[in-house]
Amino acid sequence: MKHMKFKYIALLLPAFVLGGCDFMDCDESTDYQKQDIFESFDRSKKMVTNIYSYLPQDFCNTSDAMLDAATDDAIHVYKSSAIQYFVNGTWSANRLVDDVWGNYYTAIRSANLYLKEAEGQEFEDWEHSKNYEDMMKTYRNFPYEVRFLRAFFYFELIKRYHNVPLVTTVLTQEEVNEVIPESCEKVAQFIMQECAEIAPILPVNYKSGFADKETGRITRGAALALKARVALYMASPLFSADDADKWKKAAKAAYEIIGSASELGYSLDKFANLFGAANNTSTEVILVRSTGENGDFEKANFPMGVEGGKTSTCPTQNLVDAFEMKSSGNEFDWNNPAMKANPYADRDPRLAMTVVYNNMEWPAAKKVEIWEGGANGLPLANATTTGYYLRKYVNKDISFASGSTVTKKHHNWILFRYAEVLLNYAEAMANAYGPDVPGDKTCPMTAREAVNLVRNRSGVKMPEFPAGMSKADFIKRLKNERRVELAFEGHRFWDIRRWKDLSKTANIYRVKIEKAGDNFNYVKLPYETRTITDNLYFYPISNTEKYKNPNLGQNPGW
């Protein structure tokens, strides 16, 4: 494990300035002696901040692409990006993408070290200071935050690599190179147990009684949300045979949040409020990863032809077709002449908040021209090849035009939000009981009631799922609901794997747009067909890591 090697006497604490999240701010980079770290509140806090900094985000963070570009929801326009390895058959144990093994084990070792060395500190030199009690309350909470982070990093590992070493102590380099993987099930149980133990101790928020009124820290809701997500994954087909008890366990875990939503401070927000600079203040958001104030994501995803834009993530026709008709809740149908003639009319409002399509005003008042020969369409070099640009998370208030005074904004990547919890619950309940049957007192809401809450949110107001649907029909529509609600939030790549639905995602489609006078002609066309094999359900373990530790083995097919 190349990246798991640490100094034993001195610890390097890099500077991470992650604006918009006070707790994630760190103002210096230096070597500290271990005794200096754990005998200073400020330096202990910086070490915890460093562990937080390993939380993921996907603002084009996977080889300069979004992970969604390796799904049927999007493509990456630049063929030079390593994200293409996922879809062109060149991914291997020697040619890696999203290789986070060493990164997360580095974070886990930092967490283990903190939990070992920080215990018992009282900072007596500060006991007569005015804020001593608040400082100590903050310090005594750090271990529970760190335990969450360690659990989260283990989840990121098992969903990629399946069986992985479970290390909860500080190992020597020799011990590191001899660790043996534990089963995915055992690691998942460890994660869920950690969450169950720390959730009652963690605060609902940090508004009072702590050294600072900080945002972005781990709360009770975050621990419950991680537990619920892991329980759902472990009940899913990739990880388990169909088991009603596992689905019930997943439903119960999700309802721990739903049933306490008022106490925890969560409620569904307007969909439009979830992806801007202030989304970390939304009542729906449970945990975000702040990346500070910048305009890089906008540069990468403003349409070609918009000043400063260079294109990157291009949604597919597959995703656009997934958005239902607003008035009826029916599927979009290319064989319907009226729909084909005006394919973006009367659609689920989330489409226009997720995807930039032809003739939409974006990012300013000027309409985008994605038709062939238009200002933002082919044959312009690096223009979208699918007929669409990305809107979700892209901040239209940023401009790179000459004289612009707004070239950067805060960005916060959502790790957990309340709508996902409701959809997790709906999926678990549908599999355990069916669409319209409530469970026991720990799961009194039906699957259909939960998904309809999401569809009825302010600014969306989609028709409800009707009563009486078969289990198979309900789950099919629920998967689609999850796709459109959570598009470009880092879920699709993993959902199609845990459902074992990869084979359904091979054929990718685009739209060809032609302009004749004031009218447009839209034609759905094949874009590419991807080769799907069973080994793609889990990542290969790097051969570099295997050579260092042969005990790691390799996932099937690699």
Protein backbone atom coordinates (compact mmCIF):
# COMPACT_ATOMS: atom_id res chain seq x y z
CA MET A 1 0.00 0.00 0.00
CA LYS A 2 2.18 2.75 -1.32
CA HIS A 3 0.42 5.64 0.36
CA MET A 4 0.04 4.15 3.83
CA LYS A 5 3.59 4.97 4.94
CA PHE A 6 3.70 7.64 7.66
CA LYS A 7 6.39 9.20 9.80
CA TYR A 8 6.25 7.99 13.38
CA ILE A 9 7.72 11.06 15.04
CA ALA A 10 6.69 13.93 12.82
CA LEU A 11 3.32 14.36 11.14
CA LEU A 12 2.83 16.40 8.01
CA LEU A 13 -0.31 18.47 8.11
CA PRO A 14 -0.98 19.97 4.66
CA ALA A 15 -2.91 23.19 4.34
CA PHE A 16 -6.47 22.73 3.12
CA VAL A 17 -8.39 25.94 2.57
CA LEU A 18 -11.92 24.83 1.79
CA GLY A 19 -13.99 27.97 1.78
CA GLY A 20 -17.60 28.02 2.80
CA CYS A 21 -17.06 25.53 5.59
CA ASP A 22 -15.39 27.07 8.63
CA PHE A 23 -14.31 23.82 10.15
CA MET A 24 -12.46 22.83 6.99
CA ASP A 25 -10.26 25.94 7.05
CA CYS A 26 -6.59 25.44 7.90
CA ASP A 27 -4.05 28.21 7.83
CA GLU A 28 -0.59 26.69 7.84
CA SER A 29 1.49 23.82 6.50
CA THR A 30 4.33 22.49 8.58
CA ASP A 31 5.84 19.51 10.35
CA TYR A 32 4.81 19.13 13.95
CA GLN A 33 6.17 16.73 16.52
CA LYS A 34 3.55 14.25 17.59
CA GLN A 35 3.54 15.66 21.13
CA ASP A 36 2.86 19.12 19.70
CA ILE A 37 -0.17 17.81 17.82
CA PHE A 38 -1.82 16.13 20.76
CA GLU A 39 -0.95 18.69 23.41
CA SER A 40 -2.41 21.61 21.45
CA PHE A 41 -6.13 22.03 20.83
CA ASP A 42 -5.58 24.08 17.67
CA ARG A 43 -3.14 21.57 16.20
CA SER A 44 -5.35 18.64 17.15
CA LYS A 45 -8.16 20.41 15.36
CA LYS A 46 -5.96 20.84 12.30
CA MET A 47 -5.27 17.12 12.26
CA VAL A 48 -9.00 16.40 12.34
CA THR A 49 -9.43 18.96 9.55
CA ASN A 50 -6.83 17.07 7.56
CA ILE A 51 -8.85 13.85 7.92
CA TYR A 52 -11.97 15.70 6.76
CA SER A 53 -10.08 16.80 3.66
CA TYR A 54 -10.20 13.23 2.30
CA LEU A 55 -13.98 13.41 1.89
CA PRO A 56 -14.71 13.07 -1.83
CA GLN A 57 -16.22 15.47 -4.33
CA ASP A 58 -16.85 15.06 -8.03
CA PHE A 59 -16.61 18.50 -9.57
CA CYS A 60 -14.72 16.91 -12.50
CA ASN A 61 -12.50 15.17 -9.97
CA THR A 62 -12.07 11.82 -11.74
CA SER A 63 -9.27 12.34 -14.26
CA ASP A 64 -10.69 15.83 -14.97
CA ALA A 65 -14.10 14.26 -15.57
CA MET A 66 -17.22 13.40 -13.59
CA LEU A 67 -17.77 9.76 -12.72
CA ASP A 68 -21.17 10.04 -14.41
CA ALA A 69 -19.28 10.15 -17.73
CA ALA A 70 -18.63 6.43 -17.14
CA THR A 71 -22.39 5.75 -16.97
CA ASP A 72 -25.25 5.91 -19.45
CA ASP A 73 -26.12 9.39 -18.13
CA ALA A 74 -23.19 11.25 -19.73
CA ILE A 75 -20.05 11.17 -21.82
CA HIS A 76 -16.82 13.14 -21.49
CA VAL A 77 -16.13 15.07 -24.65
CA TYR A 78 -12.33 14.78 -24.42
CA LYS A 79 -11.03 11.37 -25.46
CA SER A 80 -7.71 11.97 -23.69
CA SER A 81 -9.28 11.71 -20.23
CA ALA A 82 -8.62 8.49 -18.32
CA ILE A 83 -12.37 8.33 -17.62
CA GLN A 84 -12.58 6.77 -21.10
CA TYR A 85 -10.83 3.63 -19.75
CA PHE A 86 -14.07 2.77 -17.97
CA VAL A 87 -16.00 2.54 -21.23
CA ASN A 88 -13.53 1.67 -23.99
CA GLY A 89 -12.25 -1.64 -22.66
CA THR A 90 -8.76 -0.49 -21.64
CA TRP A 91 -9.34 -0.41 -17.87
CA SER A 92 -7.03 -2.86 -16.07
CA ALA A 93 -5.00 -3.49 -12.92
CA ASN A 94 -2.15 -1.64 -14.61
CA ARG A 95 -4.27 1.09 -16.19
CA LEU A 96 -6.36 2.49 -13.40
CA VAL A 97 -9.09 5.07 -13.05
CA ASP A 98 -10.35 6.55 -9.79
CA ASP A 99 -7.57 4.69 -7.97
CA VAL A 100 -8.34 5.73 -4.39
CA TRP A 101 -6.91 2.73 -2.52
CA GLY A 102 -3.84 4.50 -1.16
CA ASN A 103 -5.68 7.76 -0.62
CA TYR A 104 -8.34 6.27 1.64
CA TYR A 105 -5.92 4.07 3.55
CA THR A 106 -3.83 7.16 4.22
CA ALA A 107 -6.96 8.82 5.63
CA ILE A 108 -7.80 5.71 7.66
CA ARG A 109 -4.30 5.58 9.13
CA SER A 110 -4.57 9.25 10.09
CA ALA A 111 -7.90 8.49 11.78
CA ASN A 112 -6.46 5.50 13.63
CA LEU A 113 -3.49 7.57 14.77
CA TYR A 114 -5.72 10.36 16.02
CA LEU A 115 -7.99 7.98 17.93
CA LYS A 116 -4.97 6.34 19.55
CA GLU A 117 -3.01 9.43 20.54
CA ALA A 118 -5.67 12.04 21.28
CA GLU A 119 -7.41 10.17 24.10
CA GLY A 120 -7.20 11.71 27.56
CA GLN A 121 -5.94 15.18 26.72
CA GLU A 122 -7.29 17.93 29.01
CA PHE A 123 -5.26 21.01 27.93
CA GLU A 124 -4.79 22.09 31.55
CA ASP A 125 -2.93 25.23 30.52
CA TRP A 126 -6.22 26.56 29.14
CA GLU A 127 -8.59 25.50 31.91
CA HIS A 128 -9.01 29.03 33.27
CA SER A 129 -9.76 30.56 29.89
CA LYS A 130 -13.26 31.86 29.16
CA ASN A 131 -14.00 29.34 26.40
CA TYR A 132 -12.41 26.29 28.05
CA GLU A 133 -15.64 24.32 28.49
CA ASP A 134 -16.74 24.93 24.90
CA MET A 135 -13.25 24.04 23.68
CA MET A 136 -13.27 20.78 25.60
CA LYS A 137 -16.77 19.92 24.39
CA THR A 138 -15.51 20.42 20.85
CA TYR A 139 -12.38 18.36 21.52
CA ARG A 140 -14.30 15.50 23.11
CA ASN A 141 -16.55 15.38 20.06
CA PHE A 142 -13.62 14.99 17.63
CA PRO A 143 -13.20 11.21 18.15
CA TYR A 144 -16.81 10.59 17.11
CA GLU A 145 -16.36 12.73 14.01
CA VAL A 146 -13.16 10.85 13.18
CA ARG A 147 -14.86 7.49 13.67
CA PHE A 148 -17.53 8.56 11.18
CA LEU A 149 -14.90 9.63 8.68
CA ARG A 150 -13.05 6.33 9.01
CA ALA A 151 -16.32 4.44 8.51
CA PHE A 152 -17.14 6.57 5.47
CA PHE A 153 -13.75 5.88 3.91
CA TYR A 154 -14.24 2.16 4.42
CA PHE A 155 -17.56 2.37 2.60
CA GLU A 156 -15.84 4.12 -0.30
CA LEU A 157 -13.39 1.21 -0.40
CA ILE A 158 -15.82 -1.71 -0.25
CA LYS A 159 -18.14 -0.34 -2.91
CA ARG A 160 -15.14 -0.18 -5.23
CA TYR A 161 -12.98 -3.14 -4.24
CA HIS A 162 -15.42 -5.44 -2.36
CA ASN A 163 -13.22 -7.28 0.19
CA VAL A 164 -10.60 -5.02 1.77
CA PRO A 165 -8.33 -5.02 4.83
CA LEU A 166 -10.08 -3.72 7.94
CA VAL A 167 -7.46 -1.88 9.98
CA THR A 168 -8.41 -0.07 13.18
CA THR A 169 -4.96 0.28 14.75
CA VAL A 170 -1.73 1.99 13.73
CA LEU A 171 0.42 -0.54 11.85
CA THR A 172 4.08 -0.63 11.00
CA GLN A 173 5.05 -0.68 7.33
CA GLU A 174 5.86 -4.39 7.64
CA GLU A 175 2.44 -5.10 9.12
CA VAL A 176 0.77 -3.05 6.40
CA ASN A 177 2.37 -5.24 3.74
CA GLU A 178 0.97 -8.40 5.34
CA VAL A 179 -2.65 -7.44 6.03
CA ILE A 180 -5.33 -9.81 4.82
CA PRO A 181 -8.65 -8.57 3.37
CA GLU A 182 -11.81 -9.02 5.38
CA SER A 183 -15.10 -9.86 3.74
CA CYS A 184 -17.16 -6.96 2.45
CA GLU A 185 -19.94 -8.08 4.80
CA LYS A 186 -17.70 -7.81 7.86
CA VAL A 187 -16.47 -4.36 6.88
CA ALA A 188 -20.04 -3.22 6.24
CA GLN A 189 -21.08 -4.49 9.66
CA PHE A 190 -18.20 -2.54 11.19
CA ILE A 191 -19.36 0.63 9.41
CA MET A 192 -22.98 0.25 10.51
CA GLN A 193 -21.99 -0.60 14.08
CA GLU A 194 -19.74 2.46 14.28
CA CYS A 195 -22.58 4.65 13.02
CA ALA A 196 -25.03 3.14 15.47
CA GLU A 197 -22.65 3.78 18.39
CA ILE A 198 -21.67 7.34 17.53
CA ALA A 199 -25.02 8.69 16.27
CA PRO A 200 -26.59 9.20 19.74
CA ILE A 201 -23.46 11.03 20.92
CA LEU A 202 -22.99 13.32 17.92
CA PRO A 203 -24.87 16.64 18.04
CA VAL A 204 -27.77 17.49 15.76
CA ASN A 205 -25.86 20.66 14.86
CA TYR A 206 -23.04 22.84 16.16
CA LYS A 207 -24.97 26.05 16.75
CA SER A 208 -24.37 26.24 20.49
CA GLY A 209 -22.08 24.88 23.17
CA PHE A 210 -19.05 24.42 20.93
CA ALA A 211 -15.91 26.49 20.52
CA ASP A 212 -17.12 27.82 17.17
CA LYS A 213 -20.47 27.79 15.39
CA GLU A 214 -19.00 25.74 12.60
CA THR A 215 -20.69 24.21 9.58
CA GLY A 216 -19.65 21.18 7.60
CA ARG A 217 -18.96 18.91 10.57
CA ILE A 218 -20.29 15.43 11.15
CA THR A 219 -23.70 15.39 12.82
CA ARG A 220 -26.05 12.74 14.13
CA GLY A 221 -27.94 12.87 10.86
CA ALA A 222 -24.79 12.19 8.84
CA ALA A 223 -24.03 9.07 10.89
CA LEU A 224 -27.60 7.81 10.46
CA ALA A 225 -27.51 8.57 6.72
CA LEU A 226 -24.29 6.60 6.22
CA LYS A 227 -25.72 3.67 8.16
CA ALA A 228 -28.88 3.72 6.02
CA ARG A 229 -26.94 3.90 2.75
CA VAL A 230 -24.67 1.01 3.69
CA ALA A 231 -27.65 -1.09 4.79
CA LEU A 232 -29.33 -0.46 1.44
CA TYR A 233 -26.22 -1.45 -0.49
CA MET A 234 -25.79 -4.64 1.51
CA ALA A 235 -29.38 -5.65 0.74
CA SER A 236 -28.91 -4.98 -2.99
CA PRO A 237 -28.43 -7.76 -5.59
CA LEU A 238 -24.69 -7.20 -6.07
CA PHE A 239 -24.02 -7.83 -2.39
CA SER A 240 -26.78 -10.23 -1.39
CA ALA A 241 -29.38 -12.70 -2.53
CA ASP A 242 -32.89 -11.29 -2.19
CA ASP A 243 -33.38 -11.23 1.58
CA ALA A 244 -36.47 -9.62 3.10
CA ASP A 245 -34.75 -9.23 6.47
CA LYS A 246 -31.91 -7.20 4.94
CA TRP A 247 -34.38 -4.97 3.10
CA LYS A 248 -36.32 -4.46 6.35
CA LYS A 249 -33.08 -3.57 8.13
CA ALA A 250 -32.32 -1.01 5.41
CA ALA A 251 -35.82 0.46 5.64
CA LYS A 252 -35.59 0.72 9.42
CA ALA A 253 -32.21 2.47 9.16
CA ALA A 254 -33.63 5.05 6.73
CA TYR A 255 -36.71 5.62 8.87
CA GLU A 256 -34.52 6.48 11.86
CA ILE A 257 -33.94 9.72 9.96
CA ILE A 258 -37.41 10.13 8.45
CA GLY A 259 -39.15 9.59 11.78
CA SER A 260 -36.85 12.12 13.45
CA ALA A 261 -36.65 14.61 10.57
CA SER A 262 -38.14 17.47 12.58
CA GLU A 263 -35.76 16.90 15.51
CA LEU A 264 -32.79 16.59 13.14
CA GLY A 265 -33.84 19.68 11.19
CA TYR A 266 -34.37 18.05 7.78
CA SER A 267 -37.09 18.69 5.23
CA LEU A 268 -37.38 18.68 1.45
CA ASP A 269 -36.33 21.97 -0.10
CA LYS A 270 -36.96 23.49 -3.50
CA PHE A 271 -34.95 21.47 -6.01
CA ALA A 272 -33.47 24.71 -7.39
CA ASN A 273 -31.95 25.55 -3.98
CA LEU A 274 -29.81 22.42 -3.79
CA PHE A 275 -26.96 23.09 -6.18
CA GLY A 276 -25.89 26.70 -5.80
CA ALA A 277 -23.30 28.48 -3.70
CA ALA A 278 -25.46 28.42 -0.55
CA ASN A 279 -26.69 24.82 -0.79
CA ASN A 280 -24.93 23.95 2.47
CA THR A 281 -27.61 25.99 4.27
CA SER A 282 -30.53 24.03 2.78
CA THR A 283 -32.80 22.15 5.18
CA GLU A 284 -32.50 19.14 2.88
CA VAL A 285 -28.73 18.84 2.98
CA ILE A 286 -27.28 16.46 5.58
CA LEU A 287 -23.56 16.66 4.72
CA VAL A 288 -21.55 18.48 2.07
CA ARG A 289 -17.91 18.58 1.06
CA SER A 290 -16.93 22.18 0.52
CA THR A 291 -14.37 22.86 -2.19
CA GLY A 292 -14.07 26.59 -1.68
CA GLU A 293 -14.59 29.55 -3.97
CA ASN A 294 -13.61 28.94 -7.58
CA GLY A 295 -14.89 28.86 -11.16
CA ASP A 296 -13.15 25.73 -12.40
CA PHE A 297 -16.33 23.66 -12.68
CA GLU A 298 -17.96 26.39 -14.76
CA LYS A 299 -14.94 26.64 -17.07
CA ALA A 300 -15.13 22.89 -17.57
CA ASN A 301 -18.88 22.80 -18.24
CA PHE A 302 -20.04 26.06 -19.78
CA PRO A 303 -20.99 25.33 -23.39
CA MET A 304 -18.43 25.67 -26.11
CA GLY A 305 -19.09 29.08 -27.65
CA VAL A 306 -19.73 30.71 -24.27
CA GLU A 307 -16.72 32.80 -23.29
CA GLY A 308 -14.44 30.78 -21.04
CA GLY A 309 -16.39 27.55 -21.56
CA LYS A 310 -14.71 24.44 -22.92
CA THR A 311 -17.32 21.68 -22.46
CA SER A 312 -16.64 18.54 -20.46
CA THR A 313 -19.62 16.55 -19.22
CA CYS A 314 -22.29 16.02 -21.87
CA PRO A 315 -25.56 14.42 -20.73
CA THR A 316 -26.86 11.67 -22.98
CA GLN A 317 -30.20 11.25 -24.66
CA ASN A 318 -30.64 8.22 -22.37
CA LEU A 319 -30.79 10.51 -19.35
CA VAL A 320 -32.98 13.13 -21.01
CA ASP A 321 -35.47 10.43 -22.03
CA ALA A 322 -35.71 9.36 -18.37
CA PHE A 323 -37.49 12.60 -17.40
CA GLU A 324 -41.23 12.00 -17.53
CA MET A 325 -44.01 14.19 -18.88
CA LYS A 326 -45.08 16.81 -16.38
CA SER A 327 -48.83 16.69 -17.03
CA SER A 328 -49.30 12.92 -17.04
CA GLY A 329 -46.25 11.28 -15.48
CA ASN A 330 -45.97 9.13 -18.61
CA GLU A 331 -42.69 8.27 -20.31
CA PHE A 332 -41.43 10.46 -23.13
CA ASP A 333 -42.10 8.74 -26.46
CA TRP A 334 -40.11 9.46 -29.62
CA ASN A 335 -42.88 7.79 -31.64
CA ASN A 336 -45.33 10.48 -30.53
CA PRO A 337 -45.15 13.20 -33.23
CA ALA A 338 -46.10 16.03 -30.85
CA MET A 339 -43.45 15.01 -28.31
CA LYS A 340 -40.80 14.56 -30.99
CA ALA A 341 -41.52 17.97 -32.50
CA ASN A 342 -41.00 19.76 -29.17
CA PRO A 343 -39.14 17.29 -26.94
CA TYR A 344 -38.49 19.63 -24.00
CA ALA A 345 -42.04 20.89 -23.52
CA ASP A 346 -44.20 19.60 -20.65
CA ARG A 347 -41.32 17.73 -19.05
CA ASP A 348 -40.43 17.04 -15.44
CA PRO A 349 -39.15 20.43 -14.16
CA ARG A 350 -35.97 18.74 -12.93
CA LEU A 351 -34.87 18.29 -16.55
CA ALA A 352 -34.36 22.03 -17.07
CA MET A 353 -32.50 22.23 -13.75
CA THR A 354 -30.17 19.35 -14.66
CA VAL A 355 -29.50 19.55 -18.40
CA VAL A 356 -28.88 22.40 -20.85
CA TYR A 357 -30.82 21.68 -24.03
CA ASN A 358 -31.24 23.48 -27.35
CA ASN A 359 -32.83 26.95 -27.30
CA MET A 360 -32.62 27.25 -23.50
CA GLU A 361 -31.40 30.59 -22.13
CA TRP A 362 -28.06 29.63 -20.60
CA PRO A 363 -25.94 30.74 -18.85
CA ALA A 364 -27.16 34.30 -19.50
CA ALA A 365 -30.17 35.64 -21.38
CA LYS A 366 -28.89 34.41 -24.75
CA LYS A 367 -30.32 31.10 -25.97
CA VAL A 368 -27.90 28.24 -26.58
CA GLU A 369 -27.66 27.13 -30.20
CA ILE A 370 -26.89 23.41 -30.14
CA TRP A 371 -28.15 22.70 -33.62
CA GLU A 372 -25.58 21.74 -36.23
CA GLY A 373 -23.95 24.99 -37.28
CA GLY A 374 -25.23 26.87 -34.23
CA ALA A 375 -23.01 28.95 -31.96
CA ASN A 376 -22.73 26.10 -29.43
CA GLY A 377 -23.11 23.06 -31.65
CA LEU A 378 -21.11 20.90 -34.02
CA PRO A 379 -18.94 21.23 -36.05
CA LEU A 380 -17.48 23.69 -33.51
CA ALA A 381 -14.41 22.00 -32.03
CA ASN A 382 -15.16 20.29 -28.69
CA ALA A 383 -18.84 21.20 -28.79
CA THR A 384 -21.21 18.67 -27.25
CA THR A 385 -21.39 15.41 -29.18
CA THR A 386 -24.63 14.30 -27.52
CA GLY A 387 -26.71 17.45 -28.06
CA TYR A 388 -26.65 18.52 -24.41
CA TYR A 389 -24.57 20.41 -21.83
CA LEU A 390 -24.55 20.10 -18.05
CA ARG A 391 -26.54 22.50 -15.86
CA LYS A 392 -26.68 20.85 -12.42
CA TYR A 393 -24.16 22.37 -10.02
CA VAL A 394 -22.98 24.81 -12.74
CA ASN A 395 -23.36 28.37 -11.42
CA LYS A 396 -24.79 30.67 -14.09
CA ASP A 397 -23.91 33.76 -12.03
CA ILE A 398 -20.27 33.23 -12.92
CA SER A 399 -19.04 34.86 -16.11
CA PHE A 400 -15.66 34.85 -17.82
CA ALA A 401 -16.56 37.60 -20.23
CA SER A 402 -14.28 40.63 -20.35
CA GLY A 403 -15.01 42.95 -17.43
CA SER A 404 -16.86 40.35 -15.37
CA THR A 405 -16.60 40.86 -11.62
CA VAL A 406 -17.92 37.39 -10.72
CA THR A 407 -15.54 34.68 -11.87
CA LYS A 408 -15.84 32.36 -8.89
CA LYS A 409 -18.37 31.18 -6.32
CA HIS A 410 -18.48 28.75 -3.42
CA HIS A 411 -19.13 25.12 -4.32
CA ASN A 412 -20.36 22.42 -1.96
CA TRP A 413 -20.59 18.81 -3.12
CA ILE A 414 -23.58 17.05 -1.54
CA LEU A 415 -22.65 13.78 0.15
CA PHE A 416 -26.03 13.11 1.79
CA ARG A 417 -29.42 14.78 1.48
CA TYR A 418 -32.90 14.02 2.73
CA ALA A 419 -34.42 13.12 -0.66
CA GLU A 420 -31.91 10.28 -1.01
CA VAL A 421 -32.95 8.97 2.41
CA LEU A 422 -36.59 8.90 1.28
CA LEU A 423 -35.67 7.08 -1.93
CA ASN A 424 -33.49 4.63 0.01
CA TYR A 425 -36.46 3.95 2.26
CA ALA A 426 -38.84 3.52 -0.69
CA GLU A 427 -36.52 1.00 -2.36
CA ALA A 428 -36.03 -1.02 0.82
CA MET A 429 -39.75 -1.01 1.68
CA ALA A 430 -40.81 -1.99 -1.84
CA ASN A 431 -38.47 -4.97 -1.76
CA ALA A 432 -39.42 -5.97 1.78
CA TYR A 433 -43.19 -5.41 1.73
CA GLY A 434 -44.33 -4.15 -1.68
CA PRO A 435 -45.28 -0.63 -2.82
CA ASP A 436 -48.37 -0.02 -0.69
CA VAL A 437 -47.82 -2.03 2.48
CA PRO A 438 -46.48 -0.35 5.64
CA GLY A 439 -44.11 -2.21 7.89
CA ASP A 440 -44.15 -2.41 11.66
CA LYS A 441 -44.01 0.64 13.94
CA THR A 442 -40.35 1.24 12.96
CA CYS A 443 -41.37 1.59 9.27
CA PRO A 444 -44.95 2.93 9.18
CA MET A 445 -44.67 4.81 5.87
CA THR A 446 -45.22 2.91 2.62
CA ALA A 447 -42.73 2.90 -0.23
CA ARG A 448 -45.18 4.79 -2.45
CA GLU A 449 -45.76 7.49 0.17
CA ALA A 450 -42.01 8.06 0.47
CA VAL A 451 -41.33 8.45 -3.24
CA ASN A 452 -44.37 10.67 -3.70
CA LEU A 453 -42.98 13.06 -1.08
CA VAL A 454 -39.94 13.55 -3.32
CA ARG A 455 -42.05 13.99 -6.45
CA ASN A 456 -44.33 16.48 -4.70
CA ARG A 457 -41.50 18.76 -3.54
CA SER A 458 -41.82 22.48 -4.19
CA GLY A 459 -40.78 23.39 -7.73
CA VAL A 460 -41.26 19.83 -9.04
CA LYS A 461 -44.86 18.73 -8.31
CA MET A 462 -44.79 15.63 -10.51
CA PRO A 463 -47.88 13.36 -10.60
CA GLU A 464 -47.88 10.77 -7.85
CA PHE A 465 -47.06 7.13 -8.38
CA PRO A 466 -50.50 5.51 -8.45
CA ALA A 467 -51.70 2.95 -5.94
CA GLY A 468 -51.89 -0.69 -6.96
CA MET A 469 -48.67 -0.94 -9.01
CA SER A 470 -46.99 -4.33 -9.12
CA LYS A 471 -43.73 -4.65 -7.22
CA ALA A 472 -41.77 -5.03 -10.48
CA ASP A 473 -43.38 -1.97 -12.10
CA PHE A 474 -42.93 0.10 -8.97
CA ILE A 475 -39.24 -0.73 -8.61
CA LYS A 476 -38.65 0.00 -12.30
CA ARG A 477 -40.18 3.46 -11.92
CA LEU A 478 -38.42 4.00 -8.59
CA LYS A 479 -35.05 3.32 -10.21
CA ASN A 480 -35.92 5.92 -12.82
CA GLU A 481 -37.00 8.38 -10.13
CA ARG A 482 -33.69 7.91 -8.37
CA ARG A 483 -31.89 8.46 -11.66
CA VAL A 484 -33.50 11.83 -12.42
CA GLU A 485 -33.57 13.10 -8.83
CA LEU A 486 -29.92 12.26 -8.09
CA ALA A 487 -28.36 12.74 -11.53
CA PHE A 488 -24.77 14.05 -11.39
CA GLU A 489 -24.58 13.61 -7.63
CA GLY A 490 -22.35 10.53 -7.72
CA HIS A 491 -25.02 7.83 -7.42
CA ARG A 492 -25.71 6.42 -10.89
CA PHE A 493 -22.30 4.75 -11.29
CA TRP A 494 -22.87 2.78 -8.08
CA ASP A 495 -26.62 2.21 -8.43
CA ILE A 496 -26.36 0.38 -11.75
CA ARG A 497 -23.72 -1.84 -10.16
CA ARG A 498 -25.48 -2.66 -6.91
CA TRP A 499 -28.65 -3.42 -8.91
CA LYS A 500 -26.58 -5.57 -11.32
CA ASP A 501 -28.04 -3.52 -14.17
CA LEU A 502 -24.82 -2.78 -16.07
CA SER A 503 -25.90 -4.81 -19.09
CA LYS A 504 -28.88 -2.46 -19.52
CA THR A 505 -26.58 0.54 -19.99
CA ALA A 506 -24.51 -0.53 -23.01
CA ASN A 507 -26.30 1.47 -25.71
CA ILE A 508 -25.70 5.21 -25.54
CA TYR A 509 -27.77 7.71 -27.54
CA ARG A 510 -27.50 11.32 -28.66
CA VAL A 511 -29.76 13.81 -30.41
CA LYS A 512 -29.10 15.39 -33.79
CA ILE A 513 -30.61 18.86 -34.13
CA GLU A 514 -31.19 20.61 -37.44
CA LYS A 515 -32.57 24.13 -37.87
CA ALA A 516 -34.86 25.06 -40.75
CA GLY A 517 -36.00 28.66 -40.56
CA ASP A 518 -37.49 29.12 -37.11
CA ASN A 519 -38.11 25.41 -36.63
CA PHE A 520 -35.96 22.57 -35.29
CA ASN A 521 -35.87 18.91 -36.21
CA TYR A 522 -34.78 16.47 -33.49
CA VAL A 523 -33.60 12.93 -34.29
CA LYS A 524 -32.50 10.38 -31.71
CA LEU A 525 -29.41 8.50 -32.92
CA PRO A 526 -26.98 5.89 -31.52
CA TYR A 527 -23.83 7.39 -30.01
CA GLU A 528 -21.85 4.27 -29.04
CA THR A 529 -22.25 0.74 -27.74
CA ARG A 530 -20.14 -0.25 -24.77
CA THR A 531 -18.88 -3.71 -23.92
CA ILE A 532 -20.21 -4.85 -20.54
CA THR A 533 -18.49 -7.70 -18.71
CA ASP A 534 -19.00 -9.07 -15.20
CA ASN A 535 -15.62 -7.92 -13.93
CA LEU A 536 -16.78 -4.29 -14.25
CA TYR A 537 -18.89 -4.58 -11.11
CA PHE A 538 -15.81 -4.07 -8.92
CA TYR A 539 -12.54 -2.26 -9.44
CA PRO A 540 -9.29 -4.10 -10.02
CA ILE A 541 -6.78 -3.90 -7.19
CA SER A 542 -3.67 -2.19 -8.48
CA ASN A 543 -0.89 -4.59 -9.43
CA THR A 544 1.47 -2.23 -7.64
CA GLU A 545 -0.37 -2.88 -4.38
CA LYS A 546 -0.56 -6.62 -5.08
CA TYR A 547 3.17 -6.84 -5.62
CA LYS A 548 3.75 -5.21 -2.22
CA ASN A 549 1.21 -7.42 -0.49
CA PRO A 550 0.29 -10.68 -2.28
CA ASN A 551 -2.32 -11.33 0.44
CA LEU A 552 -4.60 -8.78 -1.23
CA GLY A 553 -5.50 -11.10 -4.09
CA GLN A 554 -7.47 -9.78 -7.05
CA ASN A 555 -11.12 -9.31 -7.94
CA PRO A 556 -12.58 -11.83 -10.45
CA GLY A 557 -11.94 -11.13 -14.11
CA TRP A 558 -8.94 -8.85 -13.61
